C-alpha atoms as a PDB file:
ATOM      1  CA  LEU A   1       0.000   0.000   0.000  1.00  0.00           C
ATOM      2  CA  GLY A   2       2.849   2.348   0.698  1.00  0.00           C
ATOM      3  CA  LYS A   3       5.638   3.075   3.133  1.00  0.00           C
ATOM      4  CA  ARG A   4       5.872   4.419   6.645  1.00  0.00           C
ATOM      5  CA  ALA A   5       8.190   7.290   7.342  1.00  0.00           C
ATOM      6  CA  ASP A   6      10.766   7.681  10.050  1.00  0.00           C
ATOM      7  CA  GLY A   7      12.677  10.775  11.103  1.00  0.00           C
ATOM      8  CA  TYR A   8      15.313  10.206   8.438  1.00  0.00           C
ATOM      9  CA  GLY A   9      13.315   9.308   5.345  1.00  0.00           C
ATOM     10  CA  MET A  10      11.297   6.364   4.110  1.00  0.00           C
ATOM     11  CA  GLY A  11      10.700   3.513   6.508  1.00  0.00           C
ATOM     12  CA  ALA A  12       9.158   0.069   6.299  1.00  0.00           C
ATOM     13  CA  GLN A  13       6.652  -0.927   3.643  1.00  0.00           C
ATOM     14  CA  ILE A  14       2.978  -1.197   4.550  1.00  0.00           C
ATOM     15  CA  THR A  15       1.489  -4.440   3.286  1.00  0.00           C
ATOM     16  CA  THR A  16      -1.856  -6.150   3.717  1.00  0.00           C
ATOM     17  CA  GLU A  17      -2.682  -9.339   5.506  1.00  0.00           C
ATOM     18  CA  GLY A  18      -5.503 -11.503   4.278  1.00  0.00           C
ATOM     19  CA  ASP A  19      -7.729 -11.018   1.261  1.00  0.00           C
ATOM     20  CA  VAL A  20      -8.171  -7.285   0.548  1.00  0.00           C
ATOM     21  CA  ALA A  21     -10.941  -7.932  -2.000  1.00  0.00           C
ATOM     22  CA  LEU A  22     -12.933  -9.964   0.530  1.00  0.00           C
ATOM     23  CA  ARG A  23     -12.547  -7.267   3.185  1.00  0.00           C
ATOM     24  CA  VAL A  24     -13.660  -4.517   0.773  1.00  0.00           C
ATOM     25  CA  ARG A  25     -16.657  -6.654  -0.187  1.00  0.00           C
ATOM     26  CA  GLU A  26     -17.626  -7.154   3.473  1.00  0.00           C
ATOM     27  CA  VAL A  27     -17.388  -3.436   4.246  1.00  0.00           C
ATOM     28  CA  LEU A  28     -19.356  -2.506   1.112  1.00  0.00           C
ATOM     29  CA  ALA A  29     -22.071  -5.090   1.888  1.00  0.00           C
ATOM     30  CA  ASP A  30     -22.373  -3.804   5.468  1.00  0.00           C
ATOM     31  CA  ALA A  31     -22.679  -0.207   4.210  1.00  0.00           C
ATOM     32  CA  LEU A  32     -25.384  -1.194   1.705  1.00  0.00           C
ATOM     33  CA  ARG A  33     -27.327  -3.132   4.365  1.00  0.00           C
ATOM     34  CA  ALA A  34     -27.137  -0.086   6.662  1.00  0.00           C
ATOM     35  CA  LYS A  35     -28.783   1.925   3.857  1.00  0.00           C
ATOM     36  CA  GLY A  36     -31.636  -0.622   3.613  1.00  0.00           C
ATOM     37  CA  PHE A  37     -30.447  -2.704   0.651  1.00  0.00           C
ATOM     38  CA  LYS A  38     -30.704  -6.492   0.632  1.00  0.00           C
ATOM     39  CA  ILE A  39     -27.756  -8.483  -0.694  1.00  0.00           C
ATOM     40  CA  ALA A  40     -28.785 -11.287  -3.085  1.00  0.00           C
ATOM     41  CA  THR A  41     -26.388 -13.637  -4.822  1.00  0.00           C
ATOM     42  CA  GLY A  42     -26.806 -16.405  -7.332  1.00  0.00           C
ATOM     43  CA  ALA A  43     -29.346 -17.010 -10.064  1.00  0.00           C
ATOM     44  CA  GLY A  44     -32.207 -15.255  -8.215  1.00  0.00           C
ATOM     45  CA  ALA A  45     -30.471 -11.888  -8.133  1.00  0.00           C
ATOM     46  CA  ASN A  46     -32.079  -9.341 -10.490  1.00  0.00           C
ATOM     47  CA  ASN A  47     -29.601  -6.518 -10.057  1.00  0.00           C
ATOM     48  CA  THR A  48     -25.850  -6.417 -10.473  1.00  0.00           C
ATOM     49  CA  LEU A  49     -23.269  -4.370  -8.611  1.00  0.00           C
ATOM     50  CA  LYS A  50     -19.586  -4.731  -9.404  1.00  0.00           C
ATOM     51  CA  VAL A  51     -16.933  -2.715  -7.617  1.00  0.00           C
ATOM     52  CA  GLU A  52     -13.292  -2.749  -8.690  1.00  0.00           C
ATOM     53  CA  LEU A  53     -10.670  -1.426  -6.311  1.00  0.00           C
ATOM     54  CA  ARG A  54      -8.378   0.317  -8.803  1.00  0.00           C
ATOM     55  CA  ALA A  55      -6.022   2.040  -6.347  1.00  0.00           C
ATOM     56  CA  LEU A  56      -5.339   2.064  -2.615  1.00  0.00           C
ATOM     57  CA  GLU A  57      -2.274   4.092  -1.658  1.00  0.00           C
ATOM     58  CA  TYR A  58      -0.736   5.372   1.562  1.00  0.00           C
ATOM     59  CA  ASP A  59       2.161   7.779   1.286  1.00  0.00           C
ATOM     60  CA  THR A  60       4.024  10.201   3.505  1.00  0.00           C
ATOM     61  CA  SER A  61       5.955  13.403   2.958  1.00  0.00           C
ATOM     62  CA  ALA A  62       8.233  15.462   5.143  1.00  0.00           C
ATOM     63  CA  GLY A  63       7.927  19.196   5.634  1.00  0.00           C
ATOM     64  CA  PHE A  64       9.812  21.722   7.742  1.00  0.00           C
ATOM     65  CA  PHE A  65       7.608  21.583  10.875  1.00  0.00           C
ATOM     66  CA  THR A  66       5.065  18.938   9.904  1.00  0.00           C
ATOM     67  CA  GLY A  67       4.767  15.839   7.802  1.00  0.00           C
ATOM     68  CA  GLY A  68       1.987  14.708   5.551  1.00  0.00           C
ATOM     69  CA  ILE A  69      -0.030  11.517   5.369  1.00  0.00           C
ATOM     70  CA  HIS A  70      -1.626  11.029   1.955  1.00  0.00           C
ATOM     71  CA  LEU A  71      -4.385   8.493   1.274  1.00  0.00           C
ATOM     72  CA  ARG A  72      -5.672   7.812  -2.242  1.00  0.00           C
ATOM     73  CA  THR A  73      -8.411   5.461  -3.360  1.00  0.00           C
ATOM     74  CA  MET A  74     -10.057   4.815  -6.711  1.00  0.00           C
ATOM     75  CA  LEU A  75     -13.088   2.575  -7.278  1.00  0.00           C
ATOM     76  CA  LYS A  76     -14.819   1.645 -10.510  1.00  0.00           C
ATOM     77  CA  VAL A  77     -18.514   0.888  -9.972  1.00  0.00           C
ATOM     78  CA  TYR A  78     -20.799  -0.874 -12.424  1.00  0.00           C
ATOM     79  CA  ALA A  79     -24.502  -1.201 -11.554  1.00  0.00           C
ATOM     80  CA  LYS A  80     -27.296  -2.761 -13.576  1.00  0.00           C
ATOM     81  CA  THR A  81     -30.973  -3.034 -12.816  1.00  0.00           C
ATOM     82  CA  GLY A  82     -33.237  -4.194 -15.602  1.00  0.00           C
ATOM     83  CA  ALA A  83     -32.274  -2.304 -18.769  1.00  0.00           C
ATOM     84  CA  GLN A  84     -30.559   0.550 -16.874  1.00  0.00           C
ATOM     85  CA  GLN A  85     -26.783   0.496 -16.535  1.00  0.00           C
ATOM     86  CA  VAL A  86     -24.407   2.871 -14.788  1.00  0.00           C
ATOM     87  CA  GLU A  87     -20.623   2.789 -14.850  1.00  0.00           C
ATOM     88  CA  ARG A  88     -18.590   5.347 -12.904  1.00  0.00           C
ATOM     89  CA  ILE A  89     -15.190   5.885 -11.359  1.00  0.00           C
ATOM     90  CA  TYR A  90     -14.955   7.380  -7.875  1.00  0.00           C
ATOM     91  CA  ARG A  91     -11.773   8.874  -6.489  1.00  0.00           C
ATOM     92  CA  SER A  92     -10.960   9.866  -2.950  1.00  0.00           C
ATOM     93  CA  GLU A  93      -7.878  11.691  -1.774  1.00  0.00           C
ATOM     94  CA  GLN A  94      -7.110  12.828   1.744  1.00  0.00           C
ATOM     95  CA  GLU A  95      -4.116  14.572   3.234  1.00  0.00           C
ATOM     96  CA  GLU A  96      -3.454  15.130   6.900  1.00  0.00           C
ATOM     97  CA  ARG A  97      -0.627  17.283   8.261  1.00  0.00           C
ATOM     98  CA  VAL A  98       0.898  16.015  11.508  1.00  0.00           C
ATOM     99  CA  VAL A  99       3.834  16.958  13.706  1.00  0.00           C
ATOM    100  CA  ILE A 100       5.074  13.361  13.874  1.00  0.00           C
ATOM    101  CA  VAL A 101       4.462  11.114  10.875  1.00  0.00           C
ATOM    102  CA  PRO A 102       3.525   7.630  12.095  1.00  0.00           C
END
């Protein structure tokens, strides 16, 4: 996903443990259920929702008094219900300035 920073430059790599795709699917399903959607799988499902995790990045930068933590995510979403289809890309970027970069 990225690298941690230490006081002297780049530190250890940040890696994932387990199946990232499965974890993203679980979180997405929980969020949809919280919004009132029902999750159906198999032949009886009428609607389709596909989500591709295109990017997941964690990066750091050093400044004079503070450091930066940068998070970037990109998802491609494809939804189909009946004859209607939607395909979109969603991007999220967040930066936080901190005195000590973790």
